[in-house]
Amino acid sequence: MKLYTPVFLALLGLSACTPGSSGSNQIQQALDPLITEATRINNAGLEDLKRIEAIAQVPNPNLPGGIEDLHGLQCARAGEQVLTIVQGVQLAAGKNPGPLAVGEMGTFLIPNTPQFNDARDTLNSGCLLKAQDVLGGPARVALAGGVVAAMVNAPAILPLVGG
C-alpha cells in the first residue's frame, strides 16, 4: 500500500503546523529526514525489504554473524518495523480518511510525538552500525546529522529500489 499523495501532503502540512513552532522551525519540521526515510521505506514496500534481508543473510563464515551483512540485516528489519507502523496507520485510516483521521495520521509525522520518536528510535538503533559501515565510522554519521539523516543522504545504508 502506497502513501496517498494528497493525504501525505496534508500530513506533511500538519507536521509543519505544530503549536508553538516558528517559521524556520516549521520548515525544519516539514523537511525532517524521518518523513523522507519513512516515505522511501513505505514506497519500497515489504517485498524490497525482504530482498535486502535475503541478500544480507547469504552465508559467509568469514564475516560477523556468519552472514554477508549482519548490520544490513538489522537495518532492513528496523525498516520493516517502521513500514509495519506506517501501513497499519494507512490501513486503519481507509482509502478516504476524513479530516479527523488525517489529523490522527499526522501524529506519526509530528516531531517529538511518541509515534514519531518511536519510528526515529527504531531506525536509529537498527541502522546505526550499517550507517557507520557505509560512512566510515561514528564521527561521519554524526557529521551527516545522525543515522536517519545519513540514511536519506547515503541511500546505500538501506538501499531501497522503490524509494
Protein backbone atom coordinates (compact mmCIF):
# COMPACT_ATOMS: atom_id res chain seq x y z
CA MET A 1 0.00 0.00 0.00
CA LYS A 2 1.49 3.34 -1.01
CA LEU A 3 1.09 6.63 0.79
CA TYR A 4 -1.72 8.53 -0.91
CA THR A 5 -0.17 11.71 -2.30
CA PRO A 6 -2.96 14.10 -1.23
CA VAL A 7 -3.13 12.56 2.23
CA PHE A 8 0.63 12.60 2.62
CA LEU A 9 0.84 16.24 1.56
CA ALA A 10 -1.88 17.09 4.06
CA LEU A 11 0.02 15.25 6.76
CA LEU A 12 3.23 16.97 5.79
CA GLY A 13 1.41 20.27 6.17
CA LEU A 14 0.22 19.21 9.60
CA SER A 15 3.75 18.37 10.65
CA ALA A 16 4.79 21.90 9.78
CA CYS A 17 1.98 23.46 11.81
CA THR A 18 2.62 22.17 15.27
CA PRO A 19 1.60 24.52 18.08
CA GLY A 20 4.27 26.97 19.17
CA SER A 21 6.53 26.49 16.18
CA SER A 22 8.22 29.40 14.44
CA GLY A 23 8.59 29.81 10.66
CA SER A 24 12.11 28.38 10.45
CA ASN A 25 11.16 25.63 12.88
CA GLN A 26 8.18 24.79 10.66
CA ILE A 27 10.44 24.40 7.65
CA GLN A 28 12.80 22.15 9.60
CA GLN A 29 9.89 20.00 10.74
CA ALA A 30 8.47 19.76 7.23
CA LEU A 31 11.85 18.64 5.92
CA ASP A 32 12.61 16.20 8.76
CA PRO A 33 14.64 13.29 7.42
CA LEU A 34 12.41 10.75 9.17
CA ILE A 35 9.50 11.80 6.97
CA THR A 36 11.66 11.35 3.87
CA GLU A 37 13.00 7.98 5.00
CA ALA A 38 9.61 6.64 6.16
CA THR A 39 8.20 7.61 2.76
CA ARG A 40 11.04 5.80 0.99
CA ILE A 41 10.50 2.71 3.14
CA ASN A 42 6.77 2.79 2.50
CA ASN A 43 7.19 3.28 -1.25
CA ALA A 44 9.68 0.40 -1.46
CA GLY A 45 7.43 -1.94 0.48
CA LEU A 46 7.85 -5.21 2.30
CA GLU A 47 8.99 -7.16 -0.76
CA ASP A 48 12.03 -4.93 -1.23
CA LEU A 49 12.93 -5.09 2.45
CA LYS A 50 12.66 -8.90 2.34
CA ARG A 51 15.06 -8.95 -0.64
CA ILE A 52 17.57 -6.86 1.33
CA GLU A 53 17.24 -9.32 4.22
CA ALA A 54 17.75 -12.31 1.92
CA ILE A 55 20.90 -10.78 0.43
CA ALA A 56 22.22 -9.82 3.86
CA GLN A 57 21.70 -13.37 5.15
CA VAL A 58 23.78 -15.12 2.49
CA PRO A 59 26.11 -17.37 4.49
CA ASN A 60 29.68 -16.13 4.81
CA PRO A 61 31.60 -17.67 7.72
CA ASN A 62 34.36 -15.05 7.40
CA LEU A 63 32.07 -12.14 8.32
CA PRO A 64 30.38 -11.13 11.60
CA GLY A 65 27.39 -13.31 12.41
CA GLY A 66 28.46 -15.78 9.71
CA ILE A 67 26.41 -13.93 7.11
CA GLU A 68 27.13 -11.45 4.33
CA ASP A 69 25.85 -8.31 6.08
CA LEU A 70 24.73 -8.57 9.71
CA HIS A 71 24.41 -4.79 10.02
CA GLY A 72 22.41 -4.58 6.80
CA LEU A 73 20.07 -7.29 8.08
CA GLN A 74 19.50 -5.37 11.32
CA CYS A 75 18.78 -2.18 9.36
CA ALA A 76 16.33 -3.91 7.00
CA ARG A 77 14.48 -5.34 9.99
CA ALA A 78 14.25 -1.86 11.53
CA GLY A 79 12.86 -0.63 8.22
CA GLU A 80 10.27 -3.41 8.37
CA GLN A 81 9.16 -2.29 11.82
CA VAL A 82 8.66 1.27 10.57
CA LEU A 83 6.88 0.00 7.45
CA THR A 84 4.52 -2.06 9.61
CA ILE A 85 3.62 1.05 11.61
CA VAL A 86 3.07 3.21 8.51
CA GLN A 87 0.98 0.56 6.76
CA GLY A 88 -1.04 -0.11 9.92
CA VAL A 89 -1.91 3.58 10.19
CA GLN A 90 -2.86 3.70 6.50
CA LEU A 91 -4.99 0.57 6.74
CA ALA A 92 -6.81 1.86 9.80
CA ALA A 93 -7.50 5.21 8.09
CA GLY A 94 -9.01 3.60 5.00
CA LYS A 95 -8.99 4.87 1.41
CA ASN A 96 -10.71 8.20 2.01
CA PRO A 97 -9.82 9.39 5.51
CA GLY A 98 -11.74 12.38 6.79
CA PRO A 99 -10.17 15.41 8.45
CA LEU A 100 -10.06 13.85 11.92
CA ALA A 101 -8.45 10.67 10.62
CA VAL A 102 -5.91 12.72 8.65
CA GLY A 103 -5.14 14.64 11.84
CA GLU A 104 -4.61 11.41 13.75
CA MET A 105 -2.41 10.02 10.98
CA GLY A 106 -0.42 13.24 11.18
CA THR A 107 0.80 12.41 14.68
CA PHE A 108 3.24 9.99 13.06
CA LEU A 109 4.84 12.92 11.26
CA ILE A 110 4.98 15.50 14.06
CA PRO A 111 8.45 15.64 15.65
CA ASN A 112 8.62 14.88 19.36
CA THR A 113 5.39 12.88 19.47
CA PRO A 114 5.71 9.35 20.86
CA GLN A 115 4.86 7.87 17.43
CA PHE A 116 7.48 9.95 15.63
CA ASN A 117 10.11 9.28 18.30
CA ASP A 118 9.42 5.53 18.20
CA ALA A 119 9.91 5.37 14.42
CA ARG A 120 13.06 7.50 14.65
CA ASP A 121 14.48 5.45 17.52
CA THR A 122 13.75 2.19 15.68
CA LEU A 123 15.75 3.35 12.65
CA ASN A 124 18.48 4.90 14.80
CA SER A 125 19.11 1.71 16.75
CA GLY A 126 18.59 -0.71 13.86
CA CYS A 127 20.68 1.14 11.29
CA LEU A 128 23.45 2.71 13.38
CA LEU A 129 26.09 0.08 12.67
CA LYS A 130 25.21 -0.08 8.95
CA ALA A 131 25.43 3.72 8.75
CA GLN A 132 28.86 3.57 10.38
CA ASP A 133 29.94 0.86 7.92
CA VAL A 134 28.81 2.87 4.89
CA LEU A 135 30.04 6.28 6.07
CA GLY A 136 33.25 5.15 7.72
CA GLY A 137 32.60 5.45 11.44
CA PRO A 138 30.59 7.18 14.15
CA ALA A 139 32.10 10.63 13.56
CA ARG A 140 30.92 10.64 9.95
CA VAL A 141 27.43 9.56 10.98
CA ALA A 142 27.36 12.44 13.46
CA LEU A 143 28.56 14.86 10.77
CA ALA A 144 25.77 13.62 8.49
CA GLY A 145 23.22 14.70 11.11
CA GLY A 146 22.59 11.32 12.72
CA VAL A 147 21.51 7.94 11.47
CA VAL A 148 18.21 8.90 9.82
CA ALA A 149 19.69 11.95 8.10
CA ALA A 150 22.57 9.78 6.91
CA MET A 151 20.08 7.25 5.52
CA VAL A 152 18.46 9.97 3.42
CA ASN A 153 21.78 11.29 2.12
CA ALA A 154 23.50 7.91 1.73
CA PRO A 155 20.86 5.54 0.33
CA ALA A 156 23.32 2.61 0.42
CA ILE A 157 22.59 2.31 4.16
CA LEU A 158 19.14 0.93 3.32
CA PRO A 159 19.18 0.51 -0.47
CA LEU A 160 15.51 0.62 -1.39
CA VAL A 161 14.63 0.12 -5.05
CA GLY A 162 11.16 1.62 -4.80
CA GLY A 163 12.23 4.60 -2.71
